[in-house]
Structure formats: C-alpha cells, structure tokens
Protein backbone atom coordinates (compact mmCIF):
# COMPACT_ATOMS: atom_id res chain seq x y z
CA MET A 1 87.26 107.75 152.80
CA ILE A 2 86.90 109.50 156.38
CA LEU A 3 86.21 112.60 155.23
CA LEU A 4 83.31 113.80 153.26
CA ASN A 5 83.29 114.11 149.57
CA PRO A 6 80.46 115.17 148.13
CA LYS A 7 81.14 114.41 144.63
CA LYS A 8 81.65 110.57 145.72
CA TYR A 9 79.35 110.39 148.44
CA ASP A 10 78.71 106.85 149.74
CA PRO A 11 76.68 107.21 152.66
CA LYS A 12 77.08 103.35 153.93
CA ARG A 13 76.03 104.32 157.61
CA LEU A 14 72.28 105.41 156.00
CA ASP A 15 69.33 103.61 155.06
CA PRO A 16 68.29 104.15 151.29
CA ALA A 17 65.67 107.04 152.09
CA SER A 18 67.89 109.14 154.48
CA ALA A 19 70.98 108.68 151.76
CA GLU A 20 68.37 110.08 148.87
CA LEU A 21 67.92 112.96 150.94
CA MET A 22 71.19 113.56 151.54
CA LYS A 23 72.27 113.46 148.11
CA LYS A 24 69.49 115.83 147.04
CA THR A 25 70.89 118.34 149.52
CA ILE A 26 74.25 118.16 148.18
CA ALA A 27 72.70 118.35 144.40
CA PHE A 28 70.61 121.56 145.78
CA PHE A 29 74.48 122.91 146.72
CA GLU A 30 76.34 122.19 143.71
CA ALA A 31 73.50 123.18 141.52
CA LYS A 32 73.67 126.80 143.28
CA GLY A 33 77.49 127.01 142.40
CA LYS A 34 80.38 128.46 144.40
CA ARG A 35 79.93 131.68 142.83
CA LYS A 36 76.35 132.26 143.67
CA LEU A 37 77.25 130.98 147.17
CA LYS A 38 79.78 133.62 147.48
CA GLN A 39 77.57 136.05 146.17
CA ASP A 40 74.78 135.33 148.51
CA ASP A 41 77.92 135.60 151.26
CA HIS A 42 78.89 138.88 150.81
CA GLU A 43 75.51 140.22 150.00
CA ARG A 44 74.11 138.91 153.39
CA VAL A 45 70.74 137.40 151.26
CA TRP A 46 68.86 135.89 153.41
CA TYR A 47 68.67 132.18 152.22
CA ALA A 48 65.24 131.74 150.57
CA ASP A 49 66.29 129.25 148.36
CA PHE A 50 67.32 126.92 150.98
CA LEU A 51 64.33 127.40 152.74
CA ASP A 52 62.24 126.40 149.59
CA PHE A 53 64.16 123.29 149.13
CA VAL A 54 64.00 122.20 152.93
CA LYS A 55 60.21 122.73 152.17
CA GLN A 56 59.98 120.90 148.69
CA GLU A 57 61.73 118.28 150.20
CA LYS A 58 59.97 118.25 153.52
CA VAL A 59 64.02 117.82 155.00
CA PHE A 60 63.49 119.65 158.75
CA SER A 61 59.81 117.70 158.77
CA LYS A 62 61.78 114.36 158.12
CA LEU A 63 64.93 114.72 160.01
CA LEU A 64 63.36 116.65 163.13
CA THR A 65 60.00 115.25 163.84
CA PRO A 66 59.99 112.35 166.16
CA SER A 67 58.41 109.38 164.81
CA GLY A 68 55.11 109.42 166.83
CA TYR A 69 54.28 112.52 165.19
CA SER A 70 55.29 111.51 161.81
CA ASP A 71 51.51 111.01 160.24
CA GLY A 72 52.32 107.58 159.23
CA ASP A 73 55.71 108.47 156.98
CA PRO A 74 58.22 105.60 157.77
CA ASP A 75 61.55 108.00 156.84
CA THR A 76 60.19 110.67 159.32
CA ARG A 77 61.92 110.40 163.21
CA TRP A 78 64.75 112.02 165.05
CA ASP A 79 67.81 109.78 164.06
CA ASN A 80 70.79 111.23 165.30
CA ASN A 81 72.99 109.24 163.00
CA ARG A 82 71.81 110.77 160.00
CA ASN A 83 71.28 114.04 161.41
CA CYS A 84 74.96 113.90 161.81
CA ASP A 85 75.54 113.99 157.96
CA PHE A 86 73.20 116.69 157.28
CA ASN A 87 74.88 119.12 159.72
CA GLU A 88 78.21 117.87 158.27
CA ILE A 89 77.03 118.56 154.42
CA THR A 90 75.45 121.96 155.12
CA ALA A 91 78.58 123.29 157.32
CA PHE A 92 80.40 122.05 154.19
CA TYR A 93 78.74 124.17 151.99
CA ALA A 94 78.35 127.56 154.45
CA LEU A 95 77.72 127.98 158.23
CA HIS A 96 74.88 129.80 157.45
CA TYR A 97 72.31 127.37 156.04
CA TRP A 98 73.55 124.57 159.03
CA TYR A 99 72.55 127.76 161.38
CA THR A 100 68.99 127.87 160.73
CA TRP A 101 68.86 124.10 160.89
CA GLN A 102 70.58 124.56 164.28
CA VAL A 103 68.57 126.56 166.04
CA SER A 104 65.41 125.02 164.64
CA ILE A 105 66.61 122.09 166.99
CA LEU A 106 66.92 124.19 169.49
CA GLY A 107 63.96 125.77 169.18
CA LEU A 108 62.15 122.24 168.84
CA GLY A 109 63.51 120.91 171.94
CA PRO A 110 61.55 122.39 174.76
CA ILE A 111 58.21 121.27 172.59
CA TRP A 112 59.04 117.61 172.00
CA MET A 113 60.32 117.46 175.24
CA GLY A 114 57.23 118.96 176.92
CA LYS A 115 53.81 117.22 177.81
CA ASN A 116 51.91 119.60 175.25
CA GLU A 117 50.08 117.34 172.63
CA GLU A 118 48.52 119.91 171.04
CA VAL A 119 51.71 122.01 170.51
CA LYS A 120 53.60 118.93 169.17
CA LYS A 121 51.08 118.24 166.96
CA LYS A 122 51.05 121.69 165.45
CA THR A 123 54.92 121.44 165.54
CA ALA A 124 54.78 118.70 163.38
CA GLU A 125 52.23 120.05 160.72
CA LEU A 126 54.51 123.79 160.55
CA LEU A 127 57.32 121.33 160.18
CA ARG A 128 55.56 119.80 156.79
CA GLU A 129 54.79 123.19 155.77
CA GLY A 130 58.63 123.96 155.67
CA GLY A 131 58.32 126.15 159.17
CA ILE A 132 61.79 126.73 160.97
CA PHE A 133 62.09 127.55 164.99
CA ALA A 134 63.75 129.14 167.39
CA PHE A 135 64.82 129.04 170.97
CA GLY A 136 64.31 132.12 173.16
CA LEU A 137 66.98 131.66 175.81
CA SER A 138 69.50 134.02 176.12
CA GLU A 139 68.97 137.78 177.40
CA LYS A 140 71.08 140.99 176.28
CA GLU A 141 71.49 141.76 180.01
CA HIS A 142 72.47 138.09 181.06
CA GLY A 143 73.50 136.05 178.07
CA ALA A 144 72.42 132.69 179.14
CA ASP A 145 72.49 132.66 182.76
CA ILE A 146 68.65 131.50 182.90
CA TYR A 147 69.00 132.16 186.56
CA SER A 148 68.29 135.55 185.98
CA THR A 149 65.93 135.72 183.20
CA GLU A 150 63.95 138.51 183.38
CA MET A 151 61.15 137.72 180.50
CA SER A 152 58.06 137.45 182.52
CA LEU A 153 54.47 135.41 182.18
CA ALA A 154 51.67 137.22 184.36
CA PRO A 155 48.15 135.26 185.04
CA GLN A 156 45.53 136.70 184.67
CA ALA A 157 41.96 136.31 186.31
CA ASP A 158 40.54 134.62 183.60
CA GLY A 159 43.01 131.90 183.59
CA THR A 160 45.38 133.18 180.76
CA TYR A 161 48.53 134.94 180.89
CA ILE A 162 50.06 138.20 179.67
CA ALA A 163 54.04 137.88 178.53
CA ASN A 164 56.27 140.90 178.65
CA GLY A 165 60.20 141.10 177.95
CA ARG A 166 63.04 140.74 175.53
CA LYS A 167 65.05 137.98 174.44
CA TYR A 168 68.72 138.76 172.44
CA TYR A 169 70.96 136.53 169.88
CA ILE A 170 68.23 134.55 168.62
CA GLY A 171 68.29 132.50 165.66
CA ASN A 172 65.69 132.70 162.78
CA GLY A 173 63.92 135.03 165.41
CA ASN A 174 62.79 137.09 162.09
CA LYS A 175 60.91 134.02 160.41
CA ALA A 176 60.21 131.18 163.18
CA ALA A 177 56.96 129.28 162.90
CA LEU A 178 57.25 129.04 166.67
CA VAL A 179 59.52 130.31 169.29
CA SER A 180 60.32 128.56 172.32
CA THR A 181 60.45 131.03 175.26
CA LEU A 182 61.88 130.52 178.59
CA GLY A 183 60.17 132.99 181.07
CA LYS A 184 59.42 133.39 184.80
CA MET A 185 55.99 132.98 186.31
CA LYS A 186 55.32 136.99 187.50
CA ASP A 187 53.95 135.67 190.66
CA SER A 188 55.68 132.53 191.74
CA GLY A 189 59.31 132.88 189.90
CA ASP A 190 58.95 129.48 188.74
CA PHE A 191 60.33 129.02 185.48
CA VAL A 192 57.96 128.39 182.15
CA PHE A 193 58.66 127.43 178.84
CA PHE A 194 55.98 128.64 176.35
CA VAL A 195 55.26 128.99 172.55
CA VAL A 196 54.99 132.58 170.58
CA GLY A 197 54.51 132.90 166.92
CA SER A 198 56.71 135.55 165.13
CA THR A 199 53.80 136.90 163.12
CA HIS A 200 51.94 138.17 166.47
CA GLY A 201 50.99 141.58 166.50
CA LYS A 202 52.17 141.59 170.08
CA TYR A 203 55.65 139.82 168.88
CA GLU A 204 58.40 142.63 168.06
CA CYS A 205 61.41 141.52 166.06
CA VAL A 206 63.60 144.31 166.99
CA ARG A 207 66.78 143.96 164.89
CA ASN A 208 69.12 141.98 163.46
CA LEU A 209 72.45 141.56 165.84
CA VAL A 210 74.60 140.12 163.32
CA ASN A 211 76.13 141.51 159.58
CA VAL A 212 75.81 138.18 157.84
CA GLN A 213 72.89 136.11 155.87
CA SER A 214 71.62 134.37 159.28
CA TYR A 215 69.13 136.67 161.44
CA VAL A 216 69.98 136.65 164.84
CA ALA A 217 67.21 138.69 166.56
CA GLU A 218 66.29 140.75 169.28
CA TYR A 219 62.71 140.27 170.00
CA ALA A 220 60.20 141.34 172.44
CA LEU A 221 57.09 140.31 173.83
CA ASN A 222 54.76 143.21 174.56
CA ASP A 223 51.53 142.40 176.70
CA TYR A 224 51.38 138.92 174.24
CA PRO A 225 48.28 136.81 175.34
CA ILE A 226 49.46 133.39 176.19
CA TYR A 227 47.06 130.81 176.88
CA GLU A 228 47.46 127.38 178.53
CA TYR A 229 47.60 125.57 175.40
CA ASP A 230 50.78 127.62 174.59
CA ILE A 231 52.37 126.41 177.79
CA LEU A 232 55.12 123.41 177.39
CA THR A 233 56.27 123.12 181.17
CA LYS A 234 56.70 124.59 184.32
CA GLY A 235 58.78 124.72 187.23
CA GLN A 236 61.44 122.30 187.46
CA GLU A 237 60.51 120.54 183.89
CA ALA A 238 61.17 123.81 182.12
CA TRP A 239 64.37 124.28 183.79
CA ASP A 240 65.50 120.58 182.73
CA SER A 241 64.12 121.23 179.24
CA ALA A 242 66.25 124.07 178.87
CA LEU A 243 69.34 122.56 179.96
CA ASN A 244 68.73 119.08 178.01
CA THR A 245 67.75 120.94 174.79
CA ILE A 246 71.31 122.37 174.77
CA ASN A 247 72.67 118.96 175.38
CA VAL A 248 70.90 117.74 171.93
CA GLY A 249 71.75 121.08 170.24
CA LYS A 250 75.40 121.86 171.34
CA TYR A 251 76.26 118.24 169.74
CA ASN A 252 76.40 119.43 166.61
CA LEU A 253 78.40 122.36 166.80
CA GLY A 254 81.63 120.34 166.24
CA TRP A 255 79.64 118.44 162.99
CA ALA A 256 79.81 122.40 161.66
CA SER A 257 83.30 122.62 162.62
CA ILE A 258 84.06 119.13 160.72
CA GLY A 259 82.23 120.09 157.51
CA ILE A 260 83.98 123.48 157.49
CA CYS A 261 87.59 122.20 158.07
CA THR A 262 86.65 119.54 155.32
CA HIS A 263 85.98 121.74 152.55
CA SER A 264 89.05 124.01 153.65
CA ILE A 265 91.14 120.83 153.37
CA TYR A 266 90.46 120.32 149.88
CA GLU A 267 90.99 124.24 148.66
CA ALA A 268 94.25 124.08 150.90
CA ILE A 269 95.90 121.12 149.06
CA ASP A 270 94.62 121.92 145.59
CA HIS A 271 96.17 125.83 145.99
CA ALA A 272 99.37 124.77 147.68
CA SER A 273 100.23 121.56 145.04
CA ASN A 274 99.80 123.85 141.99
CA ARG A 275 101.77 126.76 143.48
CA VAL A 276 105.45 127.10 142.40
CA LEU A 277 107.83 129.11 144.69
CA TYR A 278 111.45 129.35 144.23
CA GLY A 279 111.38 126.48 141.61
CA LYS A 280 109.68 124.06 143.74
CA HIS A 281 105.75 123.12 144.65
CA VAL A 282 104.71 124.45 147.86
CA THR A 283 103.91 121.21 148.56
CA ASP A 284 107.30 120.16 148.77
CA PHE A 285 108.60 122.36 151.40
CA PRO A 286 108.79 120.07 154.54
CA HIS A 287 107.09 122.60 157.04
CA ILE A 288 104.17 123.05 154.71
CA ARG A 289 103.97 119.00 154.95
CA GLN A 290 103.81 119.28 158.51
CA LEU A 291 101.51 121.67 158.55
CA MET A 292 98.93 119.95 156.14
CA THR A 293 99.17 116.66 157.77
CA ASP A 294 98.63 117.60 161.30
CA ALA A 295 95.65 119.88 159.88
CA TYR A 296 94.77 116.47 158.13
CA CYS A 297 95.46 114.23 161.38
CA ARG A 298 93.31 116.85 163.56
CA LEU A 299 90.41 116.75 161.59
CA VAL A 300 90.28 112.92 160.79
CA ALA A 301 90.21 112.67 164.80
CA MET A 302 87.84 115.16 165.27
CA LYS A 303 85.29 113.27 163.10
CA LEU A 304 86.54 110.09 164.59
CA PHE A 305 85.44 111.32 167.85
CA ALA A 306 82.24 112.87 166.84
CA LEU A 307 80.88 109.82 165.26
CA ARG A 308 82.03 107.63 168.20
CA ALA A 309 80.03 110.35 170.63
CA SER A 310 76.79 109.82 168.56
CA ASP A 311 76.86 105.79 169.75
CA TYR A 312 76.87 107.04 173.49
CA MET A 313 74.08 109.43 172.78
CA ARG A 314 71.60 107.29 170.83
CA ALA A 315 72.34 104.41 173.19
CA ALA A 316 71.57 106.63 176.21
CA GLY A 317 69.40 105.92 179.06
CA PRO A 318 68.54 106.45 182.66
CA ASP A 319 71.45 104.08 183.89
CA ASP A 320 73.77 105.14 181.11
CA ARG A 321 74.69 108.84 180.95
CA ARG A 322 78.21 108.74 180.00
CA TYR A 323 76.73 111.23 176.74
CA LEU A 324 77.08 113.91 179.38
CA LEU A 325 80.82 113.94 179.11
CA TYR A 326 81.46 113.18 175.22
CA ASN A 327 78.36 115.44 174.47
CA PRO A 328 79.86 118.93 175.51
CA MET A 329 83.26 117.76 174.43
CA VAL A 330 82.31 117.66 170.76
CA LYS A 331 81.08 121.25 171.31
CA MET A 332 84.73 122.42 173.41
CA LYS A 333 87.06 119.98 171.87
CA VAL A 334 85.77 119.41 168.35
CA THR A 335 85.11 123.03 167.78
CA THR A 336 88.21 124.36 169.06
CA GLN A 337 90.64 121.74 166.99
CA GLY A 338 88.64 122.74 164.12
CA GLU A 339 90.01 126.20 164.59
CA GLU A 340 93.63 124.92 165.11
CA VAL A 341 93.13 123.12 161.46
CA ILE A 342 92.04 126.46 159.97
CA ASN A 343 94.93 128.31 161.66
CA LEU A 344 97.15 125.43 160.21
CA LEU A 345 95.89 125.70 156.69
CA TRP A 346 95.91 129.54 156.55
CA ASP A 347 99.39 128.89 157.40
CA VAL A 348 99.77 127.04 154.02
CA ILE A 349 97.51 129.14 151.57
CA ALA A 350 98.46 132.37 153.85
CA ALA A 351 96.80 135.33 151.26
CA ARG A 352 95.07 133.40 149.53
CA GLY A 353 92.87 132.59 152.70
CA PHE A 354 91.75 136.36 152.48
CA GLU A 355 90.65 136.40 148.90
CA LYS A 356 86.77 136.59 148.42
CA GLU A 357 86.32 133.81 145.63
CA THR A 358 87.63 131.19 148.06
CA TYR A 359 85.54 129.19 150.59
CA PHE A 360 88.56 129.49 153.04
CA GLU A 361 87.39 133.18 153.18
CA MET A 362 83.95 132.42 154.88
CA ALA A 363 86.00 129.20 156.76
CA ALA A 364 88.58 131.68 158.58
CA ARG A 365 85.41 134.05 159.60
CA ASP A 366 83.23 131.22 160.62
CA ILE A 367 85.11 128.58 162.44
CA ARG A 368 85.68 131.36 165.11
CA ALA A 369 81.59 131.11 166.19
CA LEU A 370 81.34 127.20 166.92
CA PRO A 371 83.56 127.16 170.37
CA LYS A 372 81.53 130.38 171.40
CA LEU A 373 77.62 129.16 171.10
CA GLU A 374 75.49 127.35 172.87
CA GLY A 375 78.00 128.24 175.82
CA THR A 376 81.78 128.95 175.59
CA VAL A 377 84.46 126.69 176.01
CA HIS A 378 84.70 127.64 179.68
CA VAL A 379 81.49 126.80 180.41
CA ASN A 380 81.73 123.42 178.86
CA MET A 381 84.72 122.86 180.33
CA ALA A 382 83.58 123.34 183.43
CA LEU A 383 80.78 120.76 183.18
CA ILE A 384 83.70 118.28 182.27
CA ILE A 385 85.65 118.84 185.18
CA LYS A 386 83.07 117.15 187.25
CA PHE A 387 83.03 113.97 185.90
CA MET A 388 86.81 113.78 186.04
CA ARG A 389 87.00 111.73 189.36
CA ASN A 390 84.80 109.19 188.23
CA TYR A 391 86.49 108.96 185.50
CA PHE A 392 89.51 108.22 186.37
CA PHE A 393 89.25 106.38 189.77
CA MET A 394 85.54 105.04 189.88
CA PRO A 395 84.74 102.98 186.67
CA GLY A 396 81.30 101.20 186.07
CA LYS A 397 80.97 98.30 184.24
CA PHE A 398 79.06 98.57 181.03
CA PRO A 399 78.44 95.92 178.04
CA GLU A 400 80.40 96.69 174.91
CA LEU A 401 78.82 99.41 172.86
CA GLY A 402 78.63 98.63 169.11
CA VAL A 403 77.67 101.32 166.08
CA LYS A 404 74.64 102.66 166.68
CA THR A 405 73.48 103.55 162.85
CA ASP A 406 69.92 101.25 162.96
CA PRO A 407 66.98 103.70 161.46
CA ALA A 408 65.26 104.23 164.92
CA ASN A 409 63.79 107.56 166.76
CA ASP A 410 66.21 108.52 169.43
CA ASP A 411 63.45 108.38 171.96
CA PHE A 412 65.83 109.33 175.04
CA LEU A 413 67.01 112.75 173.67
CA PHE A 414 63.76 114.01 174.10
CA ASN A 415 63.19 112.40 178.14
CA GLN A 416 66.49 112.53 179.56
CA GLY A 417 65.11 113.22 182.92
CA PRO A 418 66.66 115.75 185.69
CA THR A 419 69.75 117.58 185.20
CA ARG A 420 71.30 116.89 188.53
CA GLY A 421 73.41 114.04 189.70
CA LEU A 422 76.13 114.89 187.10
CA GLY A 423 78.90 113.94 189.87
CA LYS A 424 77.45 110.09 189.98
CA ILE A 425 77.68 109.56 186.34
CA GLN A 426 80.39 106.75 186.09
CA PHE A 427 82.05 105.67 182.83
CA HIS A 428 83.71 102.28 181.69
CA ASP A 429 87.32 102.02 182.22
CA TYR A 430 89.32 104.11 179.47
CA ASN A 431 92.47 101.49 180.09
CA ILE A 432 89.91 99.27 177.71
CA ALA A 433 90.29 101.31 174.69
CA TYR A 434 94.05 102.04 175.41
CA ASN A 435 95.41 98.85 176.09
CA SER A 436 93.68 97.43 172.88
CA VAL A 437 96.29 99.00 170.65
CA ASP A 438 100.26 99.12 170.62
CA LEU A 439 101.78 102.10 169.17
CA PRO A 440 104.93 104.22 169.75
CA ASN A 441 103.00 107.28 170.30
CA VAL A 442 99.73 105.81 172.14
CA ASN A 443 101.92 104.20 174.56
CA LEU A 444 103.75 107.42 175.08
CA PHE A 445 100.78 109.18 175.85
CA LYS A 446 99.59 106.08 178.41
CA GLU A 447 102.82 107.25 180.16
CA GLN A 448 101.40 110.62 180.22
CA ILE A 449 98.18 109.81 181.62
CA ASN A 450 99.62 107.58 184.26
CA VAL A 451 101.53 110.97 185.53
CA LEU A 452 98.59 112.99 185.16
CA LYS A 453 96.64 109.88 187.57
CA GLU A 454 99.72 110.64 189.82
CA PHE A 455 99.28 114.02 189.87
CA LEU A 456 95.77 114.03 190.88
CA MET A 457 96.00 111.47 193.61
CA THR A 458 99.33 112.79 195.12
CA ALA A 459 99.73 116.58 194.07
CA THR A 460 95.59 116.97 194.52
CA PRO A 461 94.38 120.51 193.95
CA THR A 462 93.95 122.70 196.50
CA GLU A 463 90.71 124.45 197.63
CA GLU A 464 92.25 127.73 196.87
CA GLN A 465 93.21 125.80 193.39
CA ALA A 466 89.65 124.44 193.16
CA LYS A 467 88.31 127.75 192.86
CA ASP A 468 90.76 129.05 190.79
CA ILE A 469 88.92 128.65 187.67
CA ASP A 470 91.92 129.60 185.22
CA PHE A 471 93.95 126.50 186.98
CA LEU A 472 90.87 123.95 186.55
CA LEU A 473 90.52 124.65 182.91
CA VAL A 474 94.12 123.80 182.04
CA LEU A 475 93.89 120.89 184.06
CA GLY A 476 90.51 120.22 182.53
CA GLU A 477 92.61 120.50 179.31
CA LEU A 478 94.50 117.21 180.03
CA PHE A 479 91.52 115.45 181.33
CA THR A 480 89.75 116.14 178.10
CA LEU A 481 92.67 114.59 175.89
CA VAL A 482 92.39 111.53 177.96
CA ALA A 483 88.85 110.89 176.91
CA TYR A 484 88.95 112.01 173.03
CA GLY A 485 91.88 109.82 172.76
CA GLN A 486 89.94 106.81 174.35
CA LEU A 487 86.86 107.05 171.83
CA ILE A 488 89.18 108.13 168.71
CA ILE A 489 90.97 104.53 169.50
CA GLU A 490 87.24 102.94 170.05
CA ASN A 491 86.10 104.41 166.83
CA SER A 492 89.54 103.56 164.98
CA ALA A 493 88.67 99.89 165.26
CA ILE A 494 85.29 100.24 164.59
CA MET A 495 86.18 102.10 161.03
CA ASN A 496 89.43 99.98 160.34
CA VAL A 497 91.89 103.18 160.94
CA GLU A 498 95.60 102.02 160.05
CA ASP A 499 97.81 101.75 162.51
CA ALA A 500 100.04 104.25 160.87
CA LEU A 501 97.23 107.15 160.80
CA LEU A 502 96.28 106.33 163.98
CA ASP A 503 100.14 106.77 165.58
CA GLN A 504 100.43 109.48 163.59
CA ILE A 505 97.11 111.22 165.03
CA PHE A 506 98.60 110.25 168.61
CA ASP A 507 101.85 112.10 167.47
CA PHE A 508 99.99 115.47 167.84
CA PHE A 509 98.40 114.16 170.98
CA VAL A 510 101.70 114.36 172.77
CA ARG A 511 102.67 117.61 171.59
CA ASP A 512 99.20 118.94 173.02
CA PHE A 513 99.18 117.10 176.21
CA SER A 514 102.79 118.27 177.01
CA LYS A 515 101.54 122.13 175.74
CA PHE A 516 98.94 121.64 178.53
CA ALA A 517 101.04 120.20 181.10
CA LEU A 518 103.67 123.37 180.59
CA GLN A 519 100.46 125.79 181.14
CA LEU A 520 99.66 124.17 184.09
CA TYR A 521 103.48 123.95 185.52
CA SER A 522 103.47 127.44 184.77
CA LYS A 523 100.38 128.90 186.90
CA THR A 524 100.99 131.37 189.39
CA GLY A 525 99.74 128.92 192.31
CA SER A 526 101.21 125.66 191.40
CA THR A 527 103.01 123.77 194.08
CA GLU A 528 106.67 122.72 193.69
CA LYS A 529 105.13 118.94 193.53
CA GLN A 530 102.40 119.79 190.83
CA MET A 531 105.47 121.33 188.97
CA ALA A 532 107.78 118.40 188.84
CA LEU A 533 104.91 116.15 188.00
CA CYS A 534 104.42 118.49 184.99
CA LEU A 535 107.68 118.20 183.99
CA LYS A 536 107.23 114.59 183.88
CA MET A 537 104.14 115.06 181.70
CA ILE A 538 106.07 116.97 178.97
CA ARG A 539 107.84 114.26 176.13
CA LYS A 540 108.40 114.24 172.87
CA PRO A 541 106.52 112.16 170.19
CA VAL A 542 107.89 109.15 168.83
CA PRO A 543 109.27 109.97 165.59
CA ASN A 544 108.88 107.77 162.30
CA PRO A 545 109.69 109.47 158.69
CA GLU A 546 108.45 106.48 157.06
CA ARG A 547 105.37 106.52 158.80
CA PHE A 548 105.00 110.44 158.44
CA ASN A 549 106.00 109.91 154.39
CA LYS A 550 103.12 107.50 154.14
CA ILE A 551 100.24 109.37 155.94
CA TRP A 552 101.35 112.34 153.46
CA ASN A 553 101.67 110.78 150.62
CA GLU A 554 98.53 108.17 150.74
CA HIS A 555 96.11 110.37 152.86
CA VAL A 556 97.02 113.97 152.77
CA TYR A 557 98.50 114.44 149.17
CA ALA A 558 96.12 112.24 147.71
CA LEU A 559 93.38 114.61 148.46
CA LYS A 560 95.02 116.83 145.44
CA GLY A 561 92.60 117.35 142.81
CA ALA A 562 89.33 115.18 144.94
CA TYR A 563 86.70 117.96 145.14
CA THR A 564 86.22 121.17 144.02
CA MET A 565 83.03 122.87 144.19
CA SER A 566 80.86 123.44 141.07
CA ASP A 567 80.97 126.83 139.62
C-alpha cells in the first residue's frame, strides 16, 4: 500500500529500531483512542501525555540529534527518511502533536547549524531529558520579514550582552528548553542568533495567540542577560542559518497534509459506502466516485512527490542543490493539494464533516494552516520561479539518483552553506522522466508542457509583467506542475505504481494545467500572443472508463473498512 494504514504498518523503508519507534508511536495514539483524542482537542488540553511518551521513549532525542552528539547510541541520528514517517504518523492522528515536533525542528536548526559546541552538547542532553524547542524568528509587526527584525542584543562593557524585544507566533514558546532567537546587534546592526530559556526570569511568555491545543506564543525578553556561550552565529552565518533552517523545516508541512488527508479518506469512504440515499449507497453515485477517485489520486501523488523529494534532500551537496526547488514544492504544492483533497472529501460526506465525533472536523480546520506556515504559498512560489529558466532551458548532467533510505545522518542539512546563488542551480533534464512512460494522459501533458515552453520562448513576459506578482504566480503554477509530475513519474517507477493509476493521476494534471492556463489567459495584462498560446494549453484528459473503474474498485473502494481508529 502507498497510503499509511496504522493497523497494517509495515515500514520496509526503515531499519528495525526506527520501525519499532514508529510502531510505539502508533500504539500510543491507538491506546489513547479517538474519543479522548477528540475530547482533548475540544478542551484545548496541552498534550503532556504525548510529551511524556516522547521523553520515556527518547523519541525526539533519537530522531532529532545528529549522530555526532548521540552519546554512543547507534540509533540516534538526523535521518530525514524516517522523520518523514514520524511526520506522517503524528499528523495522521492530530496536527497539534505534529506541531510540537515541527517547531522543535525549527528551534534546533540554528543550534545544529552553528559552531557553538557547548550549546550543542547541552541541547543533546536536553533532548535526552525530553525537552522541546522553539524558533524565535517572527515578530508581530514584521511577520517573517527578518530584514526588519527589531529584537536587539546590546554589547556591555564586561563582554556580555543584554537582549530586548518581542517575538510573535512562536510554537512551544511556553515550555521550550531552549528558544533559538534571531536578533540584531545594537551597535552594528548585524544579525545574531542566540539561545534563551523559557524559565528564565527575564523571559516573559506573554500569551498564547491561538485557541487550540498547541501553544503559539508571544514572548518578550526584558533585559535578558546573554553571554558569549549563548550565541550561536553572527552576521552572514546567522542569516544563512535562519533561511537554511526553514529549508529543513518547511519540508515537513507537506507530510502533515499527507497524514491528515490519509486519515480523512478512510473516514470518508466508510461513511459514504455505508450510507443509503434514494435507495442507493452513496458510493454508487457517479459524481461521488469521481470526487473520491480524484481525492485518492491527488493524495497518492502528494506522497509520491514528497517521498522522492526526500531522496534529493538526502543526496544534496555543494554541487547538487536541486532540493531547493523540490523542498518548497513540498511545502507549497503538497499542502495546497491537501486542501483540495479535503474539499473533495467534504463534498462527499457533506454535513458529516461538521460532527464533533469525527476526525474530519479537525482535518477541515487544520488542513488550512499548512500552506500558511513557514512562509506563505506566495513566498515559496516566488522562490520557485527563480529556478524556471534553468529548469527548462539549461539542464545539467547528474548521475541517476536512487532511493535514499539508508540509515545515515543527513550531515549536509546542517551545512548547507550560503543561501545566495539560486539562479545558478541546475537540474537534470525533466524529459528523461517524461519520456520513460508512454501513457495517454502523460503524453497529453507533455504536449501542454511544450506549449508552455513555446510561451516562455516566444511570448516571454514583459518587464512590466515580470513585476506583476499576480501574473507570475499563475505562471509559476504551470511550471510547478511540470516539476511535480516529473518526480511523481520517477517515484512511480521506483515504487512499481501501475500504469492505470499513474495515467489516472495525470488525468487531473491535464485538467489542472488547463485551469491555470485559463487563469493566465484571463489576466488583465496578458498579450494577444500569450492568450493564443494559453488557449493551446487547454486540453481535455483522455477518457477511459475501464481505467477509471479499475482505480475505483481496486484502490479507492478497497479502502472501505481498511482502517478505523480505536475508540
């Protein structure tokens, strides 16, 4: 099975110790049960029971400590392959359990990327003790615009510093063992990353900004004393560690969407298949089958892409930075596809989606958050567009990349280097993947891609259009679909995805590409030539009722009764 089923979890991609840790995590949630899970959600109960489990099993310690600080434990390392599973499992049960893990990852980033060995050793010990962490980057008036950071560090005559300022929207800010905080030097204006403790008397946890189980803090440092041993990085290194930490952390958001959607699709198929309306089971209606099949195919595509993107992250190095395209796509594309999956399923289960006993009630609320965290969709799209020229017109040569599931520490993630030079990054020729399959909808999608390339070569956006973010965002959506499909094809070969399923996935690719082409056509500033080429991009998928019915019967309807959470 491609989709997670906790009742039949068989992590072939993991080593035995990692698999056992994931099984224990599943067992924790199943023992807690759906009734208590929902009760804690409604009452906004801080998840102390989960953190007790994390402490007892040393979960965060094993998964989030680089092997160099493992204290000799061979199962302790930062291994993105197994972290994907933990992302998916925690979100499968509830986003808030995933969230405390996610913001710990962000808080740990500047620590492991820095050169302060004393803080690193202390952090490893705090993780072994069950500590959680926080990332003090955003501010109320500036959001994630770190250029405008007002948190300040003032040098003192005795060689120490005094920190003053506020941070806003900081997960785990109430209980974090260490909060990695970005500020500016009061005298020079240089950026600086330093750590503070949430229990210190000069640390003020002002309030929780959200009305859910998670604690998303506003905190203030009021003449907080900082010593040289509290400082992680300064200047350009501090700036780079801020952005490189987000590179690591934002990838996880796509996995949270995958977990949420997977639990939701089990609940939706069970409801629809057992409900009778007008003398028919709901799943007998053609439009319901279309909605469910679309949702399933989109979800499978999300997971295929995110898994393949992990390979590129783990294979990355100074001469291979392709992950910097695929990473923000997991954050941007996978999370927005997650919203689409929930929308499709909600049209199937209708009013049932509001009922307080359902998992779906949480899913419909929480799926909206993920495209909006760690930089909005628009910010990540603006980043992605920088790669479009080299992706289409200046491919590089790279050795074939296999599956990266080896139980190894991902050293490069904490040594990514300078964040500049994105326009020089090259990618392998996307045609290699697309030409490896001969399927009706894939072939039709290739025709659409060729028209897009013609658009870029012969109807290149004008200087004015290049400054129009609204115009570029839609163009970026078309580009993103090409790279999205490329990695899905690559992973379909690796995971032996049958042709019928892959072609059904590209059925929605053709429709989505046509939708964005129409949006580009409709932009106020589009030229006559651009409009004509947009019309050439609009195509209808190749219909195949036999293929559709095969996917419905063997994949979608087959999920009926496959998983129900313990009560």
